[in-house]
Amino acid sequence: MFRLWGKEFKDNHMIKDTTICDDSDDTRTHKIFNALDEICYEFDLSKPIWLDVNINEFKRHSKARFYQDSFVDSIDFDFLEIQVIEE
């Protein structure tokens, strides 16, 4: 079971969160991208752009934060955080 936790933060408070579960036989990378797509759909967001800082942070900690510079549209929160909580 693969689970990814998506959270929106504003002023150091979590304002939204969701957990996406994936039991498919896809690769880990595909599961992460599919889960991020589902999170963005549920939160009504455009898909964030993976910058080098996001990729490096995710490789080290299985967690990444997407700030305004990762989104094409403006966002009404401080950052979106994703974290792998089960593999």
PDB file of N, CA and C in Angstrom:
ATOM      1  N   MET A   1       0.843  -1.182   0.000  1.00  0.00           N
ATOM      2  CA  MET A   1       0.000   0.000   0.000  1.00  0.00           C
ATOM      3  C   MET A   1       0.884   1.240   0.000  1.00  0.00           C
ATOM      4  N   PHE A   2       0.629   2.122  -0.938  1.00  0.00           N
ATOM      5  CA  PHE A   2       1.343   3.392  -1.033  1.00  0.00           C
ATOM      6  C   PHE A   2       0.366   4.485  -0.623  1.00  0.00           C
ATOM      7  N   ARG A   3       0.799   5.367   0.295  1.00  0.00           N
ATOM      8  CA  ARG A   3      -0.052   6.479   0.717  1.00  0.00           C
ATOM      9  C   ARG A   3       0.745   7.779   0.692  1.00  0.00           C
ATOM     10  N   LEU A   4       0.126   8.793   0.116  1.00  0.00           N
ATOM     11  CA  LEU A   4       0.724  10.128   0.041  1.00  0.00           C
ATOM     12  C   LEU A   4      -0.225  11.103   0.731  1.00  0.00           C
ATOM     13  N   TRP A   5       0.336  11.915   1.618  1.00  0.00           N
ATOM     14  CA  TRP A   5      -0.442  12.884   2.378  1.00  0.00           C
ATOM     15  C   TRP A   5      -0.207  14.260   1.783  1.00  0.00           C
ATOM     16  N   GLY A   6      -1.265  14.932   1.385  1.00  0.00           N
ATOM     17  CA  GLY A   6      -1.180  16.281   0.844  1.00  0.00           C
ATOM     18  C   GLY A   6      -1.791  17.273   1.804  1.00  0.00           C
ATOM     19  N   LYS A   7      -1.094  18.402   2.045  1.00  0.00           N
ATOM     20  CA  LYS A   7      -1.553  19.388   3.028  1.00  0.00           C
ATOM     21  C   LYS A   7      -1.336  20.798   2.489  1.00  0.00           C
ATOM     22  N   GLU A   8      -2.311  21.663   2.740  1.00  0.00           N
ATOM     23  CA  GLU A   8      -2.173  23.091   2.443  1.00  0.00           C
ATOM     24  C   GLU A   8      -1.969  23.832   3.760  1.00  0.00           C
ATOM     25  N   PHE A   9      -1.005  24.756   3.758  1.00  0.00           N
ATOM     26  CA  PHE A   9      -0.716  25.538   4.957  1.00  0.00           C
ATOM     27  C   PHE A   9      -0.851  27.027   4.672  1.00  0.00           C
ATOM     28  N   LYS A  10      -1.395  27.744   5.655  1.00  0.00           N
ATOM     29  CA  LYS A  10      -1.442  29.208   5.603  1.00  0.00           C
ATOM     30  C   LYS A  10      -1.198  29.726   7.013  1.00  0.00           C
ATOM     31  N   ASP A  11      -0.263  30.640   7.148  1.00  0.00           N
ATOM     32  CA  ASP A  11       0.107  31.218   8.453  1.00  0.00           C
ATOM     33  C   ASP A  11       0.429  30.138   9.480  1.00  0.00           C
ATOM     34  N   ASN A  12       1.197  29.143   9.061  1.00  0.00           N
ATOM     35  CA  ASN A  12       1.634  28.022   9.906  1.00  0.00           C
ATOM     36  C   ASN A  12       0.488  27.164  10.442  1.00  0.00           C
ATOM     37  N   HIS A  13      -0.642  27.186   9.768  1.00  0.00           N
ATOM     38  CA  HIS A  13      -1.767  26.335  10.138  1.00  0.00           C
ATOM     39  C   HIS A  13      -2.179  25.501   8.935  1.00  0.00           C
ATOM     40  N   MET A  14      -2.459  24.225   9.174  1.00  0.00           N
ATOM     41  CA  MET A  14      -2.933  23.372   8.097  1.00  0.00           C
ATOM     42  C   MET A  14      -4.402  23.706   7.851  1.00  0.00           C
ATOM     43  N   ILE A  15      -4.721  24.071   6.607  1.00  0.00           N
ATOM     44  CA  ILE A  15      -6.097  24.448   6.296  1.00  0.00           C
ATOM     45  C   ILE A  15      -6.847  23.346   5.551  1.00  0.00           C
ATOM     46  N   LYS A  16      -6.123  22.477   4.862  1.00  0.00           N
ATOM     47  CA  LYS A  16      -6.729  21.342   4.159  1.00  0.00           C
ATOM     48  C   LYS A  16      -5.741  20.192   4.180  1.00  0.00           C
ATOM     49  N   ASP A  17      -6.276  18.970   4.182  1.00  0.00           N
ATOM     50  CA  ASP A  17      -5.392  17.821   4.000  1.00  0.00           C
ATOM     51  C   ASP A  17      -6.188  16.666   3.418  1.00  0.00           C
ATOM     52  N   THR A  18      -5.486  15.771   2.791  1.00  0.00           N
ATOM     53  CA  THR A  18      -6.078  14.568   2.226  1.00  0.00           C
ATOM     54  C   THR A  18      -4.998  13.505   2.110  1.00  0.00           C
ATOM     55  N   THR A  19      -5.422  12.264   2.108  1.00  0.00           N
ATOM     56  CA  THR A  19      -4.498  11.149   1.931  1.00  0.00           C
ATOM     57  C   THR A  19      -4.933  10.358   0.704  1.00  0.00           C
ATOM     58  N   ILE A  20      -3.994  10.087  -0.165  1.00  0.00           N
ATOM     59  CA  ILE A  20      -4.261   9.319  -1.383  1.00  0.00           C
ATOM     60  C   ILE A  20      -3.614   7.955  -1.233  1.00  0.00           C
ATOM     61  N   CYS A  21      -4.397   6.899  -1.439  1.00  0.00           N
ATOM     62  CA  CYS A  21      -3.906   5.518  -1.360  1.00  0.00           C
ATOM     63  C   CYS A  21      -3.817   4.939  -2.761  1.00  0.00           C
ATOM     64  N   ASP A  22      -2.783   4.151  -3.008  1.00  0.00           N
ATOM     65  CA  ASP A  22      -2.574   3.557  -4.328  1.00  0.00           C
ATOM     66  C   ASP A  22      -2.072   2.128  -4.152  1.00  0.00           C
ATOM     67  N   ASP A  23      -2.858   1.169  -4.634  1.00  0.00           N
ATOM     68  CA  ASP A  23      -2.481  -0.246  -4.569  1.00  0.00           C
ATOM     69  C   ASP A  23      -2.028  -0.795  -5.920  1.00  0.00           C
ATOM     70  N   SER A  24      -1.853   0.079  -6.901  1.00  0.00           N
ATOM     71  CA  SER A  24      -1.513  -0.384  -8.248  1.00  0.00           C
ATOM     72  C   SER A  24      -0.081  -0.921  -8.308  1.00  0.00           C
ATOM     73  N   ASP A  25       0.250  -1.500  -9.430  1.00  0.00           N
ATOM     74  CA  ASP A  25       1.589  -2.050  -9.657  1.00  0.00           C
ATOM     75  C   ASP A  25       2.509  -1.052 -10.368  1.00  0.00           C
ATOM     76  N   ASP A  26       2.117   0.208 -10.399  1.00  0.00           N
ATOM     77  CA  ASP A  26       2.949   1.243 -11.023  1.00  0.00           C
ATOM     78  C   ASP A  26       4.261   1.413 -10.258  1.00  0.00           C
ATOM     79  N   THR A  27       5.184   2.129 -10.889  1.00  0.00           N
ATOM     80  CA  THR A  27       6.440   2.454 -10.218  1.00  0.00           C
ATOM     81  C   THR A  27       6.172   3.516  -9.150  1.00  0.00           C
ATOM     82  N   ARG A  28       7.119   3.689  -8.254  1.00  0.00           N
ATOM     83  CA  ARG A  28       6.973   4.686  -7.183  1.00  0.00           C
ATOM     84  C   ARG A  28       6.775   6.086  -7.767  1.00  0.00           C
ATOM     85  N   THR A  29       7.532   6.406  -8.801  1.00  0.00           N
ATOM     86  CA  THR A  29       7.428   7.723  -9.429  1.00  0.00           C
ATOM     87  C   THR A  29       6.031   7.955  -9.990  1.00  0.00           C
ATOM     88  N   HIS A  30       5.484   6.965 -10.682  1.00  0.00           N
ATOM     89  CA  HIS A  30       4.133   7.102 -11.234  1.00  0.00           C
ATOM     90  C   HIS A  30       3.097   7.251 -10.126  1.00  0.00           C
ATOM     91  N   LYS A  31       3.279   6.514  -9.035  1.00  0.00           N
ATOM     92  CA  LYS A  31       2.345   6.623  -7.912  1.00  0.00           C
ATOM     93  C   LYS A  31       2.374   8.027  -7.313  1.00  0.00           C
ATOM     94  N   ILE A  32       3.568   8.608  -7.196  1.00  0.00           N
ATOM     95  CA  ILE A  32       3.707   9.957  -6.647  1.00  0.00           C
ATOM     96  C   ILE A  32       3.029  10.977  -7.552  1.00  0.00           C
ATOM     97  N   PHE A  33       3.298  10.906  -8.849  1.00  0.00           N
ATOM     98  CA  PHE A  33       2.695  11.856  -9.788  1.00  0.00           C
ATOM     99  C   PHE A  33       1.179  11.691  -9.851  1.00  0.00           C
ATOM    100  N   ASN A  34       0.683  10.456  -9.854  1.00  0.00           N
ATOM    101  CA  ASN A  34      -0.765  10.220  -9.887  1.00  0.00           C
ATOM    102  C   ASN A  34      -1.429  10.745  -8.611  1.00  0.00           C
ATOM    103  N   ALA A  35      -0.796  10.500  -7.466  1.00  0.00           N
ATOM    104  CA  ALA A  35      -1.348  10.981  -6.199  1.00  0.00           C
ATOM    105  C   ALA A  35      -1.346  12.509  -6.156  1.00  0.00           C
ATOM    106  N   LEU A  36      -0.277  13.138  -6.647  1.00  0.00           N
ATOM    107  CA  LEU A  36      -0.217  14.598  -6.679  1.00  0.00           C
ATOM    108  C   LEU A  36      -1.315  15.153  -7.588  1.00  0.00           C
ATOM    109  N   ASP A  37      -1.570  14.489  -8.712  1.00  0.00           N
ATOM    110  CA  ASP A  37      -2.668  14.902  -9.597  1.00  0.00           C
ATOM    111  C   ASP A  37      -4.006  14.831  -8.868  1.00  0.00           C
ATOM    112  N   GLU A  38      -4.232  13.769  -8.113  1.00  0.00           N
ATOM    113  CA  GLU A  38      -5.482  13.615  -7.361  1.00  0.00           C
ATOM    114  C   GLU A  38      -5.613  14.683  -6.278  1.00  0.00           C
ATOM    115  N   ILE A  39      -4.520  14.988  -5.605  1.00  0.00           N
ATOM    116  CA  ILE A  39      -4.531  16.031  -4.573  1.00  0.00           C
ATOM    117  C   ILE A  39      -4.884  17.377  -5.200  1.00  0.00           C
ATOM    118  N   CYS A  40      -4.255  17.694  -6.312  1.00  0.00           N
ATOM    119  CA  CYS A  40      -4.527  18.973  -6.981  1.00  0.00           C
ATOM    120  C   CYS A  40      -5.976  19.042  -7.462  1.00  0.00           C
ATOM    121  N   TYR A  41      -6.500  17.925  -7.941  1.00  0.00           N
ATOM    122  CA  TYR A  41      -7.894  17.897  -8.375  1.00  0.00           C
ATOM    123  C   TYR A  41      -8.819  18.131  -7.181  1.00  0.00           C
ATOM    124  N   GLU A  42      -8.551  17.451  -6.072  1.00  0.00           N
ATOM    125  CA  GLU A  42      -9.392  17.581  -4.882  1.00  0.00           C
ATOM    126  C   GLU A  42      -9.331  18.988  -4.286  1.00  0.00           C
ATOM    127  N   PHE A  43      -8.158  19.622  -4.309  1.00  0.00           N
ATOM    128  CA  PHE A  43      -7.985  20.961  -3.765  1.00  0.00           C
ATOM    129  C   PHE A  43      -8.269  22.053  -4.801  1.00  0.00           C
ATOM    130  N   ASP A  44      -8.615  21.666  -6.036  1.00  0.00           N
ATOM    131  CA  ASP A  44      -8.890  22.600  -7.140  1.00  0.00           C
ATOM    132  C   ASP A  44      -7.686  23.507  -7.408  1.00  0.00           C
ATOM    133  N   LEU A  45      -6.530  22.865  -7.623  1.00  0.00           N
ATOM    134  CA  LEU A  45      -5.273  23.576  -7.896  1.00  0.00           C
ATOM    135  C   LEU A  45      -4.730  23.193  -9.253  1.00  0.00           C
ATOM    136  N   SER A  46      -3.911  24.079  -9.822  1.00  0.00           N
ATOM    137  CA  SER A  46      -3.140  23.687 -10.994  1.00  0.00           C
ATOM    138  C   SER A  46      -1.992  22.807 -10.509  1.00  0.00           C
ATOM    139  N   LYS A  47      -1.465  21.997 -11.393  1.00  0.00           N
ATOM    140  CA  LYS A  47      -0.369  21.108 -11.000  1.00  0.00           C
ATOM    141  C   LYS A  47       0.901  21.923 -10.790  1.00  0.00           C
ATOM    142  N   PRO A  48       1.594  21.685  -9.687  1.00  0.00           N
ATOM    143  CA  PRO A  48       2.833  22.432  -9.444  1.00  0.00           C
ATOM    144  C   PRO A  48       3.973  21.936 -10.325  1.00  0.00           C
ATOM    145  N   ILE A  49       4.915  22.804 -10.544  1.00  0.00           N
ATOM    146  CA  ILE A  49       6.114  22.475 -11.308  1.00  0.00           C
ATOM    147  C   ILE A  49       7.166  21.969 -10.327  1.00  0.00           C
ATOM    148  N   TRP A  50       7.787  20.841 -10.661  1.00  0.00           N
ATOM    149  CA  TRP A  50       8.834  20.283  -9.795  1.00  0.00           C
ATOM    150  C   TRP A  50      10.141  21.033 -10.072  1.00  0.00           C
ATOM    151  N   LEU A  51      10.528  21.897  -9.168  1.00  0.00           N
ATOM    152  CA  LEU A  51      11.807  22.597  -9.275  1.00  0.00           C
ATOM    153  C   LEU A  51      12.902  21.724  -8.670  1.00  0.00           C
ATOM    154  N   ASP A  52      14.152  22.059  -8.933  1.00  0.00           N
ATOM    155  CA  ASP A  52      15.278  21.271  -8.414  1.00  0.00           C
ATOM    156  C   ASP A  52      15.237  21.152  -6.893  1.00  0.00           C
ATOM    157  N   VAL A  53      14.846  22.228  -6.229  1.00  0.00           N
ATOM    158  CA  VAL A  53      14.792  22.198  -4.766  1.00  0.00           C
ATOM    159  C   VAL A  53      13.731  21.193  -4.292  1.00  0.00           C
ATOM    160  N   ASN A  54      12.607  21.101  -5.001  1.00  0.00           N
ATOM    161  CA  ASN A  54      11.562  20.133  -4.647  1.00  0.00           C
ATOM    162  C   ASN A  54      12.046  18.703  -4.847  1.00  0.00           C
ATOM    163  N   ILE A  55      12.725  18.473  -5.943  1.00  0.00           N
ATOM    164  CA  ILE A  55      13.220  17.127  -6.255  1.00  0.00           C
ATOM    165  C   ILE A  55      14.244  16.687  -5.217  1.00  0.00           C
ATOM    166  N   ASN A  56      15.186  17.553  -4.886  1.00  0.00           N
ATOM    167  CA  ASN A  56      16.217  17.215  -3.900  1.00  0.00           C
ATOM    168  C   ASN A  56      15.620  16.968  -2.515  1.00  0.00           C
ATOM    169  N   GLU A  57      14.677  17.809  -2.131  1.00  0.00           N
ATOM    170  CA  GLU A  57      14.024  17.641  -0.832  1.00  0.00           C
ATOM    171  C   GLU A  57      13.247  16.324  -0.784  1.00  0.00           C
ATOM    172  N   PHE A  58      12.570  15.996  -1.879  1.00  0.00           N
ATOM    173  CA  PHE A  58      11.777  14.768  -1.917  1.00  0.00           C
ATOM    174  C   PHE A  58      12.673  13.533  -1.891  1.00  0.00           C
ATOM    175  N   LYS A  59      13.792  13.596  -2.580  1.00  0.00           N
ATOM    176  CA  LYS A  59      14.727  12.464  -2.566  1.00  0.00           C
ATOM    177  C   LYS A  59      15.270  12.215  -1.158  1.00  0.00           C
ATOM    178  N   ARG A  60      15.561  13.280  -0.420  1.00  0.00           N
ATOM    179  CA  ARG A  60      16.138  13.140   0.916  1.00  0.00           C
ATOM    180  C   ARG A  60      15.131  12.754   1.985  1.00  0.00           C
ATOM    181  N   HIS A  61      13.942  13.336   1.939  1.00  0.00           N
ATOM    182  CA  HIS A  61      13.009  13.201   3.057  1.00  0.00           C
ATOM    183  C   HIS A  61      11.661  12.579   2.701  1.00  0.00           C
ATOM    184  N   SER A  62      11.445  12.226   1.437  1.00  0.00           N
ATOM    185  CA  SER A  62      10.136  11.756   0.961  1.00  0.00           C
ATOM    186  C   SER A  62       9.047  12.783   1.276  1.00  0.00           C
ATOM    187  N   LYS A  63       9.436  14.049   1.200  1.00  0.00           N
ATOM    188  CA  LYS A  63       8.531  15.160   1.501  1.00  0.00           C
ATOM    189  C   LYS A  63       8.954  16.353   0.648  1.00  0.00           C
ATOM    190  N   ALA A  64       7.983  17.106   0.151  1.00  0.00           N
ATOM    191  CA  ALA A  64       8.302  18.289  -0.652  1.00  0.00           C
ATOM    192  C   ALA A  64       7.275  19.374  -0.377  1.00  0.00           C
ATOM    193  N   ARG A  65       7.734  20.621  -0.426  1.00  0.00           N
ATOM    194  CA  ARG A  65       6.858  21.774  -0.271  1.00  0.00           C
ATOM    195  C   ARG A  65       6.874  22.575  -1.563  1.00  0.00           C
ATOM    196  N   PHE A  66       5.679  22.892  -2.045  1.00  0.00           N
ATOM    197  CA  PHE A  66       5.529  23.674  -3.262  1.00  0.00           C
ATOM    198  C   PHE A  66       5.011  25.054  -2.876  1.00  0.00           C
ATOM    199  N   TYR A  67       5.839  26.085  -3.101  1.00  0.00           N
ATOM    200  CA  TYR A  67       5.481  27.465  -2.811  1.00  0.00           C
ATOM    201  C   TYR A  67       4.929  28.121  -4.070  1.00  0.00           C
ATOM    202  N   GLN A  68       4.615  29.399  -3.988  1.00  0.00           N
ATOM    203  CA  GLN A  68       4.038  30.133  -5.110  1.00  0.00           C
ATOM    204  C   GLN A  68       4.869  29.994  -6.385  1.00  0.00           C
ATOM    205  N   ASP A  69       6.195  29.931  -6.270  1.00  0.00           N
ATOM    206  CA  ASP A  69       7.036  29.856  -7.463  1.00  0.00           C
ATOM    207  C   ASP A  69       6.891  28.537  -8.222  1.00  0.00           C
ATOM    208  N   SER A  70       6.245  27.537  -7.627  1.00  0.00           N
ATOM    209  CA  SER A  70       6.013  26.258  -8.306  1.00  0.00           C
ATOM    210  C   SER A  70       4.678  26.221  -9.046  1.00  0.00           C
ATOM    211  N   PHE A  71       3.836  27.223  -8.809  1.00  0.00           N
ATOM    212  CA  PHE A  71       2.513  27.257  -9.429  1.00  0.00           C
ATOM    213  C   PHE A  71       2.441  28.354 -10.479  1.00  0.00           C
ATOM    214  N   VAL A  72       1.750  28.067 -11.579  1.00  0.00           N
ATOM    215  CA  VAL A  72       1.541  29.068 -12.621  1.00  0.00           C
ATOM    216  C   VAL A  72       0.481  30.062 -12.155  1.00  0.00           C
ATOM    217  N   ASP A  73      -0.601  29.550 -11.565  1.00  0.00           N
ATOM    218  CA  ASP A  73      -1.670  30.399 -11.036  1.00  0.00           C
ATOM    219  C   ASP A  73      -1.292  30.912  -9.654  1.00  0.00           C
ATOM    220  N   SER A  74      -1.959  31.981  -9.224  1.00  0.00           N
ATOM    221  CA  SER A  74      -1.710  32.452  -7.862  1.00  0.00           C
ATOM    222  C   SER A  74      -2.443  31.532  -6.884  1.00  0.00           C
ATOM    223  N   ILE A  75      -1.880  31.381  -5.696  1.00  0.00           N
ATOM    224  CA  ILE A  75      -2.458  30.506  -4.681  1.00  0.00           C
ATOM    225  C   ILE A  75      -2.850  31.352  -3.471  1.00  0.00           C
ATOM    226  N   ASP A  76      -3.870  30.917  -2.744  1.00  0.00           N
ATOM    227  CA  ASP A  76      -4.335  31.673  -1.584  1.00  0.00           C
ATOM    228  C   ASP A  76      -3.895  31.034  -0.264  1.00  0.00           C
ATOM    229  N   PHE A  77      -2.778  30.302  -0.308  1.00  0.00           N
ATOM    230  CA  PHE A  77      -2.186  29.689   0.874  1.00  0.00           C
ATOM    231  C   PHE A  77      -0.680  29.846   0.752  1.00  0.00           C
ATOM    232  N   ASP A  78       0.062  29.480   1.789  1.00  0.00           N
ATOM    233  CA  ASP A  78       1.507  29.681   1.776  1.00  0.00           C
ATOM    234  C   ASP A  78       2.248  28.596   0.996  1.00  0.00           C
ATOM    235  N   PHE A  79       1.901  27.330   1.238  1.00  0.00           N
ATOM    236  CA  PHE A  79       2.544  26.251   0.499  1.00  0.00           C
ATOM    237  C   PHE A  79       1.717  24.977   0.554  1.00  0.00           C
ATOM    238  N   LEU A  80       1.955  24.105  -0.432  1.00  0.00           N
ATOM    239  CA  LEU A  80       1.382  22.766  -0.487  1.00  0.00           C
ATOM    240  C   LEU A  80       2.502  21.800  -0.152  1.00  0.00           C
ATOM    241  N   GLU A  81       2.238  20.930   0.800  1.00  0.00           N
ATOM    242  CA  GLU A  81       3.247  19.948   1.203  1.00  0.00           C
ATOM    243  C   GLU A  81       2.730  18.549   0.899  1.00  0.00           C
ATOM    244  N   ILE A  82       3.596  17.730   0.303  1.00  0.00           N
ATOM    245  CA  ILE A  82       3.257  16.322   0.101  1.00  0.00           C
ATOM    246  C   ILE A  82       4.284  15.485   0.844  1.00  0.00           C
ATOM    247  N   GLN A  83       3.817  14.350   1.367  1.00  0.00           N
ATOM    248  CA  GLN A  83       4.697  13.491   2.146  1.00  0.00           C
ATOM    249  C   GLN A  83       4.265  12.052   1.971  1.00  0.00           C
ATOM    250  N   VAL A  84       5.225  11.180   1.679  1.00  0.00           N
ATOM    251  CA  VAL A  84       4.950   9.748   1.614  1.00  0.00           C
ATOM    252  C   VAL A  84       4.846   9.247   3.043  1.00  0.00           C
ATOM    253  N   ILE A  85       3.714   8.622   3.388  1.00  0.00           N
ATOM    254  CA  ILE A  85       3.554   8.128   4.757  1.00  0.00           C
ATOM    255  C   ILE A  85       3.555   6.612   4.825  1.00  0.00           C
ATOM    256  N   GLU A  86       3.482   5.945   3.675  1.00  0.00           N
ATOM    257  CA  GLU A  86       3.550   4.483   3.675  1.00  0.00           C
ATOM    258  C   GLU A  86       3.929   4.001   2.286  1.00  0.00           C
ATOM    259  N   GLU A  87       4.833   3.006   2.253  1.00  0.00           N
ATOM    260  CA  GLU A  87       5.206   2.397   0.977  1.00  0.00           C
ATOM    261  C   GLU A  87       5.116   0.905   1.097  1.00  0.00           C
TER     262      GLU A  87
END
